């Protein structure tokens, strides 16, 4: 049986295009709208050690994603692989 290794470049899987529809657009916009609240809820009860634990080697921590505005976090994350 071959050994399976995780490809951490795709923590939620590779992008798979989906057909566009108005209904799907409404769903996407709702996901974007409620993402900050979902992220805040996810880290609300974590202690400092948990907040400082990256999800993978050289990965982001909840401190970075939870306390930085997305306008800073996303472009920085896309450009800087040392985070």
C-alpha atoms as a PDB file:
ATOM      1  CA  UNK A   1       0.000   0.000   0.000  1.00  0.00           C
ATOM      2  CA  UNK A   2       1.583   3.364  -1.013  1.00  0.00           C
ATOM      3  CA  UNK A   3       2.283   5.945   1.666  1.00  0.00           C
ATOM      4  CA  UNK A   4      -0.042   8.938   1.428  1.00  0.00           C
ATOM      5  CA  UNK A   5       1.480  12.329   2.180  1.00  0.00           C
ATOM      6  CA  UNK A   6      -0.490  15.490   2.723  1.00  0.00           C
ATOM      7  CA  UNK A   7       0.087  18.322   0.269  1.00  0.00           C
ATOM      8  CA  UNK A   8      -0.045  21.262   2.664  1.00  0.00           C
ATOM      9  CA  UNK A   9      -0.194  23.741  -0.206  1.00  0.00           C
ATOM     10  CA  UNK A  10      -3.859  22.734  -0.489  1.00  0.00           C
ATOM     11  CA  UNK A  11      -5.176  22.390   3.095  1.00  0.00           C
ATOM     12  CA  UNK A  12      -8.794  22.264   1.917  1.00  0.00           C
ATOM     13  CA  UNK A  13      -8.126  20.615  -1.437  1.00  0.00           C
ATOM     14  CA  UNK A  14      -7.323  21.822  -4.917  1.00  0.00           C
ATOM     15  CA  UNK A  15      -9.613  24.336  -6.602  1.00  0.00           C
ATOM     16  CA  UNK A  16     -12.319  22.777  -8.698  1.00  0.00           C
ATOM     17  CA  UNK A  17     -14.162  25.208 -10.995  1.00  0.00           C
ATOM     18  CA  UNK A  18     -17.922  25.282 -10.637  1.00  0.00           C
ATOM     19  CA  UNK A  19     -20.501  26.565 -13.081  1.00  0.00           C
ATOM     20  CA  UNK A  20     -21.635  30.114 -12.385  1.00  0.00           C
ATOM     21  CA  UNK A  21     -25.192  30.881 -11.350  1.00  0.00           C
ATOM     22  CA  UNK A  22     -26.879  33.727  -9.494  1.00  0.00           C
ATOM     23  CA  UNK A  23     -27.778  31.306  -6.694  1.00  0.00           C
ATOM     24  CA  UNK A  24     -24.144  30.222  -6.346  1.00  0.00           C
ATOM     25  CA  UNK A  25     -23.030  33.879  -6.357  1.00  0.00           C
ATOM     26  CA  UNK A  26     -25.396  34.601  -3.455  1.00  0.00           C
ATOM     27  CA  UNK A  27     -23.939  31.616  -1.563  1.00  0.00           C
ATOM     28  CA  UNK A  28     -20.351  32.797  -2.197  1.00  0.00           C
ATOM     29  CA  UNK A  29     -21.151  36.321  -1.018  1.00  0.00           C
ATOM     30  CA  UNK A  30     -22.764  34.967   2.146  1.00  0.00           C
ATOM     31  CA  UNK A  31     -19.675  32.821   2.823  1.00  0.00           C
ATOM     32  CA  UNK A  32     -17.470  35.910   2.455  1.00  0.00           C
ATOM     33  CA  UNK A  33     -19.776  38.024   4.614  1.00  0.00           C
ATOM     34  CA  UNK A  34     -19.859  35.559   7.507  1.00  0.00           C
ATOM     35  CA  UNK A  35     -16.247  34.326   7.336  1.00  0.00           C
ATOM     36  CA  UNK A  36     -14.859  36.861   9.863  1.00  0.00           C
ATOM     37  CA  UNK A  37     -17.488  35.852  12.434  1.00  0.00           C
ATOM     38  CA  UNK A  38     -16.812  32.161  11.809  1.00  0.00           C
ATOM     39  CA  UNK A  39     -13.066  32.691  12.245  1.00  0.00           C
ATOM     40  CA  UNK A  40     -13.574  34.685  15.426  1.00  0.00           C
ATOM     41  CA  UNK A  41     -15.848  31.976  16.823  1.00  0.00           C
ATOM     42  CA  UNK A  42     -13.313  29.287  15.921  1.00  0.00           C
ATOM     43  CA  UNK A  43     -10.502  30.903  17.915  1.00  0.00           C
ATOM     44  CA  UNK A  44     -12.542  32.391  20.755  1.00  0.00           C
ATOM     45  CA  UNK A  45     -11.707  29.723  23.358  1.00  0.00           C
ATOM     46  CA  UNK A  46      -8.112  28.991  22.321  1.00  0.00           C
ATOM     47  CA  UNK A  47      -5.292  29.748  24.770  1.00  0.00           C
ATOM     48  CA  UNK A  48      -2.121  31.647  23.769  1.00  0.00           C
ATOM     49  CA  UNK A  49      -0.166  28.471  22.979  1.00  0.00           C
ATOM     50  CA  UNK A  50      -2.925  27.268  20.670  1.00  0.00           C
ATOM     51  CA  UNK A  51      -3.101  30.674  18.990  1.00  0.00           C
ATOM     52  CA  UNK A  52       0.644  30.521  18.313  1.00  0.00           C
ATOM     53  CA  UNK A  53       0.576  27.000  16.845  1.00  0.00           C
ATOM     54  CA  UNK A  54       0.834  27.033  13.039  1.00  0.00           C
ATOM     55  CA  UNK A  55      -1.446  24.669  11.128  1.00  0.00           C
ATOM     56  CA  UNK A  56       1.656  23.373   9.292  1.00  0.00           C
ATOM     57  CA  UNK A  57       5.429  23.931   9.375  1.00  0.00           C
ATOM     58  CA  UNK A  58       6.096  27.579   8.444  1.00  0.00           C
ATOM     59  CA  UNK A  59       2.326  28.146   8.265  1.00  0.00           C
ATOM     60  CA  UNK A  60       0.165  30.927   9.602  1.00  0.00           C
ATOM     61  CA  UNK A  61      -1.041  31.051  13.174  1.00  0.00           C
ATOM     62  CA  UNK A  62      -4.472  32.028  14.430  1.00  0.00           C
ATOM     63  CA  UNK A  63      -2.881  35.168  15.883  1.00  0.00           C
ATOM     64  CA  UNK A  64      -1.950  36.380  12.429  1.00  0.00           C
ATOM     65  CA  UNK A  65      -5.249  35.500  10.790  1.00  0.00           C
ATOM     66  CA  UNK A  66      -7.404  36.507  13.753  1.00  0.00           C
ATOM     67  CA  UNK A  67      -5.889  39.914  14.450  1.00  0.00           C
ATOM     68  CA  UNK A  68      -4.963  41.129  10.980  1.00  0.00           C
ATOM     69  CA  UNK A  69      -7.451  42.663   8.584  1.00  0.00           C
ATOM     70  CA  UNK A  70      -7.923  40.547   5.482  1.00  0.00           C
ATOM     71  CA  UNK A  71      -6.681  43.430   3.351  1.00  0.00           C
ATOM     72  CA  UNK A  72      -3.296  42.958   5.037  1.00  0.00           C
ATOM     73  CA  UNK A  73      -3.327  39.244   5.708  1.00  0.00           C
ATOM     74  CA  UNK A  74      -4.278  37.882   2.286  1.00  0.00           C
ATOM     75  CA  UNK A  75      -1.871  39.925   0.123  1.00  0.00           C
ATOM     76  CA  UNK A  76       0.959  39.350   2.616  1.00  0.00           C
ATOM     77  CA  UNK A  77       0.243  35.636   2.726  1.00  0.00           C
ATOM     78  CA  UNK A  78       0.178  35.429  -1.045  1.00  0.00           C
ATOM     79  CA  UNK A  79       3.535  37.218  -1.368  1.00  0.00           C
ATOM     80  CA  UNK A  80       5.473  36.151   1.723  1.00  0.00           C
ATOM     81  CA  UNK A  81       6.036  32.424   2.152  1.00  0.00           C
ATOM     82  CA  UNK A  82       8.049  32.911   5.337  1.00  0.00           C
ATOM     83  CA  UNK A  83       4.966  33.640   7.510  1.00  0.00           C
END
